[in-house]
């Protein structure tokens, strides 16, 4: 999958994969409708870090979830 293009489908894929990788219990936090495509590159940057890192500590996981919360629509 080519994630270079900011599409709703790519955003949904990344959010779903991040939810799995970060073991997010409340999947409502990862609803694609709550994110703006204007923030796509920010989310992709975070996604790339999580994928590259592989596994995260509990503190790192919490930090990533908080950062995702900052790019959600109000």
N, C-alpha and C. Protein backbone atom coordinates (compact mmCIF):
# COMPACT_ATOMS: atom_id res chain seq x y z
N UNK A 1 0.84 -1.18 0.00
CA UNK A 1 0.00 0.00 0.00
C UNK A 1 0.88 1.24 0.00
N UNK A 2 0.57 2.18 -0.85
CA UNK A 2 1.31 3.43 -0.95
C UNK A 2 0.64 4.46 -0.05
N UNK A 3 1.30 4.81 1.03
CA UNK A 3 0.73 5.74 2.00
C UNK A 3 1.19 7.17 1.78
N UNK A 4 1.85 7.43 0.65
CA UNK A 4 2.34 8.78 0.38
C UNK A 4 1.22 9.74 0.04
N UNK A 5 0.12 9.23 -0.48
CA UNK A 5 -1.00 10.08 -0.87
C UNK A 5 -1.98 10.26 0.29
N UNK A 6 -2.32 11.50 0.61
CA UNK A 6 -3.25 11.76 1.71
C UNK A 6 -4.70 11.50 1.33
N UNK A 7 -5.10 10.24 1.44
CA UNK A 7 -6.49 9.87 1.14
C UNK A 7 -7.15 9.39 2.42
N UNK A 8 -8.46 9.43 2.42
CA UNK A 8 -9.22 8.96 3.57
C UNK A 8 -8.95 7.47 3.81
N UNK A 9 -8.82 6.70 2.73
CA UNK A 9 -8.55 5.26 2.84
C UNK A 9 -7.19 5.01 3.49
N UNK A 10 -6.18 5.77 3.09
CA UNK A 10 -4.85 5.62 3.68
C UNK A 10 -4.86 6.03 5.15
N UNK A 11 -5.57 7.09 5.45
CA UNK A 11 -5.68 7.54 6.83
C UNK A 11 -6.37 6.48 7.68
N UNK A 12 -7.43 5.91 7.16
CA UNK A 12 -8.14 4.85 7.89
C UNK A 12 -7.24 3.65 8.11
N UNK A 13 -6.48 3.26 7.10
CA UNK A 13 -5.55 2.14 7.24
C UNK A 13 -4.54 2.42 8.36
N UNK A 14 -3.94 3.60 8.34
CA UNK A 14 -2.93 3.93 9.35
C UNK A 14 -3.53 3.96 10.75
N UNK A 15 -4.71 4.56 10.89
CA UNK A 15 -5.34 4.63 12.21
C UNK A 15 -5.70 3.25 12.74
N UNK A 16 -6.19 2.39 11.87
CA UNK A 16 -6.54 1.03 12.28
C UNK A 16 -5.28 0.26 12.68
N UNK A 17 -4.24 0.39 11.88
CA UNK A 17 -2.98 -0.30 12.18
C UNK A 17 -2.36 0.25 13.47
N UNK A 18 -2.41 1.56 13.64
CA UNK A 18 -1.90 2.15 14.88
C UNK A 18 -2.69 1.65 16.09
N UNK A 19 -4.00 1.56 15.96
CA UNK A 19 -4.83 1.06 17.06
C UNK A 19 -4.40 -0.35 17.44
N UNK A 20 -4.11 -1.18 16.44
CA UNK A 20 -3.64 -2.54 16.72
C UNK A 20 -2.26 -2.54 17.36
N UNK A 21 -1.35 -1.79 16.78
CA UNK A 21 0.04 -1.76 17.28
C UNK A 21 0.14 -1.16 18.67
N UNK A 22 -0.71 -0.18 18.96
CA UNK A 22 -0.68 0.48 20.27
C UNK A 22 -1.64 -0.15 21.26
N UNK A 23 -2.34 -1.19 20.83
CA UNK A 23 -3.30 -1.90 21.68
C UNK A 23 -4.33 -0.93 22.28
N UNK A 24 -4.87 -0.08 21.43
CA UNK A 24 -5.87 0.89 21.88
C UNK A 24 -7.17 0.16 22.19
N UNK A 25 -7.65 0.31 23.40
CA UNK A 25 -8.87 -0.34 23.82
C UNK A 25 -10.09 0.42 23.31
N UNK A 26 -10.07 1.73 23.46
CA UNK A 26 -11.18 2.57 23.01
C UNK A 26 -10.96 2.92 21.54
N UNK A 27 -11.48 2.08 20.65
CA UNK A 27 -11.27 2.28 19.20
C UNK A 27 -11.97 3.53 18.69
N UNK A 28 -12.85 4.10 19.47
CA UNK A 28 -13.50 5.35 19.09
C UNK A 28 -12.50 6.49 18.93
N UNK A 29 -11.37 6.39 19.61
CA UNK A 29 -10.32 7.40 19.48
C UNK A 29 -9.68 7.38 18.10
N UNK A 30 -9.86 6.29 17.37
CA UNK A 30 -9.20 6.11 16.09
C UNK A 30 -10.17 6.19 14.91
N UNK A 31 -11.33 6.80 15.12
CA UNK A 31 -12.33 6.94 14.06
C UNK A 31 -11.82 7.92 13.01
N UNK A 32 -11.73 7.47 11.78
CA UNK A 32 -11.18 8.29 10.70
C UNK A 32 -11.95 9.60 10.53
N UNK A 33 -13.22 9.62 10.87
CA UNK A 33 -14.03 10.83 10.74
C UNK A 33 -13.59 11.93 11.70
N UNK A 34 -12.85 11.56 12.74
CA UNK A 34 -12.39 12.53 13.73
C UNK A 34 -11.05 13.16 13.38
N UNK A 35 -10.52 12.81 12.22
CA UNK A 35 -9.22 13.32 11.80
C UNK A 35 -9.35 14.04 10.47
N UNK A 36 -8.59 15.10 10.32
CA UNK A 36 -8.62 15.92 9.13
C UNK A 36 -7.47 15.53 8.21
N UNK A 37 -7.74 15.43 6.92
CA UNK A 37 -6.69 15.09 5.96
C UNK A 37 -5.57 16.14 5.95
N UNK A 38 -5.85 17.34 6.42
CA UNK A 38 -4.80 18.36 6.51
C UNK A 38 -3.71 17.96 7.49
N UNK A 39 -4.02 17.05 8.40
CA UNK A 39 -3.05 16.56 9.40
C UNK A 39 -2.45 15.22 8.99
N UNK A 40 -2.69 14.82 7.75
CA UNK A 40 -2.25 13.51 7.26
C UNK A 40 -0.75 13.29 7.47
N UNK A 41 0.06 14.26 7.12
CA UNK A 41 1.52 14.07 7.22
C UNK A 41 1.96 13.94 8.67
N UNK A 42 1.29 14.62 9.59
CA UNK A 42 1.60 14.47 11.02
C UNK A 42 1.31 13.04 11.47
N UNK A 43 0.17 12.53 11.06
CA UNK A 43 -0.21 11.17 11.44
C UNK A 43 0.71 10.16 10.77
N UNK A 44 1.06 10.39 9.52
CA UNK A 44 1.97 9.48 8.82
C UNK A 44 3.33 9.46 9.49
N UNK A 45 3.80 10.61 9.93
CA UNK A 45 5.08 10.70 10.64
C UNK A 45 5.04 9.82 11.89
N UNK A 46 3.97 9.95 12.67
CA UNK A 46 3.82 9.14 13.88
C UNK A 46 3.72 7.66 13.52
N UNK A 47 2.95 7.36 12.48
CA UNK A 47 2.78 5.98 12.04
C UNK A 47 4.13 5.38 11.66
N UNK A 48 4.92 6.11 10.89
CA UNK A 48 6.22 5.61 10.47
C UNK A 48 7.14 5.32 11.65
N UNK A 49 7.08 6.16 12.67
CA UNK A 49 7.90 5.94 13.86
C UNK A 49 7.47 4.66 14.58
N UNK A 50 6.18 4.48 14.75
CA UNK A 50 5.67 3.29 15.44
C UNK A 50 6.04 2.03 14.67
N UNK A 51 5.87 2.06 13.36
CA UNK A 51 6.20 0.88 12.53
C UNK A 51 7.69 0.59 12.61
N UNK A 52 8.51 1.63 12.50
CA UNK A 52 9.96 1.45 12.54
C UNK A 52 10.43 0.94 13.90
N UNK A 53 9.86 1.47 14.95
CA UNK A 53 10.28 1.09 16.30
C UNK A 53 9.87 -0.34 16.64
N UNK A 54 8.75 -0.78 16.13
CA UNK A 54 8.31 -2.15 16.40
C UNK A 54 7.48 -2.25 17.66
N UNK A 55 8.14 -2.29 18.79
CA UNK A 55 7.41 -2.35 20.05
C UNK A 55 7.71 -1.10 20.86
N UNK A 56 6.71 -0.70 21.63
CA UNK A 56 6.82 0.52 22.43
C UNK A 56 6.60 0.19 23.90
N UNK A 57 7.22 0.98 24.74
CA UNK A 57 6.97 0.85 26.17
C UNK A 57 5.58 1.43 26.46
N UNK A 58 5.10 1.20 27.66
CA UNK A 58 3.79 1.73 28.06
C UNK A 58 3.79 3.26 28.00
N UNK A 59 4.89 3.88 28.43
CA UNK A 59 4.97 5.34 28.39
C UNK A 59 5.00 5.87 26.96
N UNK A 60 5.73 5.19 26.08
CA UNK A 60 5.77 5.60 24.68
C UNK A 60 4.40 5.45 24.03
N UNK A 61 3.72 4.36 24.35
CA UNK A 61 2.38 4.14 23.81
C UNK A 61 1.44 5.26 24.24
N UNK A 62 1.48 5.61 25.51
CA UNK A 62 0.63 6.68 26.03
C UNK A 62 0.96 8.00 25.34
N UNK A 63 2.24 8.26 25.13
CA UNK A 63 2.66 9.50 24.48
C UNK A 63 2.13 9.57 23.05
N UNK A 64 2.19 8.47 22.32
CA UNK A 64 1.68 8.46 20.95
C UNK A 64 0.18 8.66 20.92
N UNK A 65 -0.53 8.05 21.83
CA UNK A 65 -1.98 8.23 21.89
C UNK A 65 -2.33 9.68 22.20
N UNK A 66 -1.57 10.30 23.10
CA UNK A 66 -1.80 11.71 23.42
C UNK A 66 -1.51 12.59 22.21
N UNK A 67 -0.46 12.29 21.46
CA UNK A 67 -0.14 13.07 20.27
C UNK A 67 -1.23 12.92 19.21
N UNK A 68 -1.74 11.71 19.06
CA UNK A 68 -2.86 11.53 18.12
C UNK A 68 -4.06 12.37 18.55
N UNK A 69 -4.28 12.44 19.85
CA UNK A 69 -5.38 13.25 20.35
C UNK A 69 -5.23 14.72 20.00
N UNK A 70 -3.99 15.18 19.91
CA UNK A 70 -3.73 16.58 19.58
C UNK A 70 -4.03 16.92 18.13
N UNK A 71 -3.99 15.92 17.25
CA UNK A 71 -4.27 16.19 15.83
C UNK A 71 -5.70 15.85 15.44
N UNK A 72 -6.50 15.39 16.40
CA UNK A 72 -7.93 15.12 16.13
C UNK A 72 -8.67 16.42 15.96
N UNK A 73 -9.76 16.35 15.21
CA UNK A 73 -10.64 17.51 15.06
C UNK A 73 -11.24 17.83 16.41
N UNK A 74 -11.50 19.09 16.64
CA UNK A 74 -12.14 19.50 17.92
C UNK A 74 -13.62 19.30 17.87
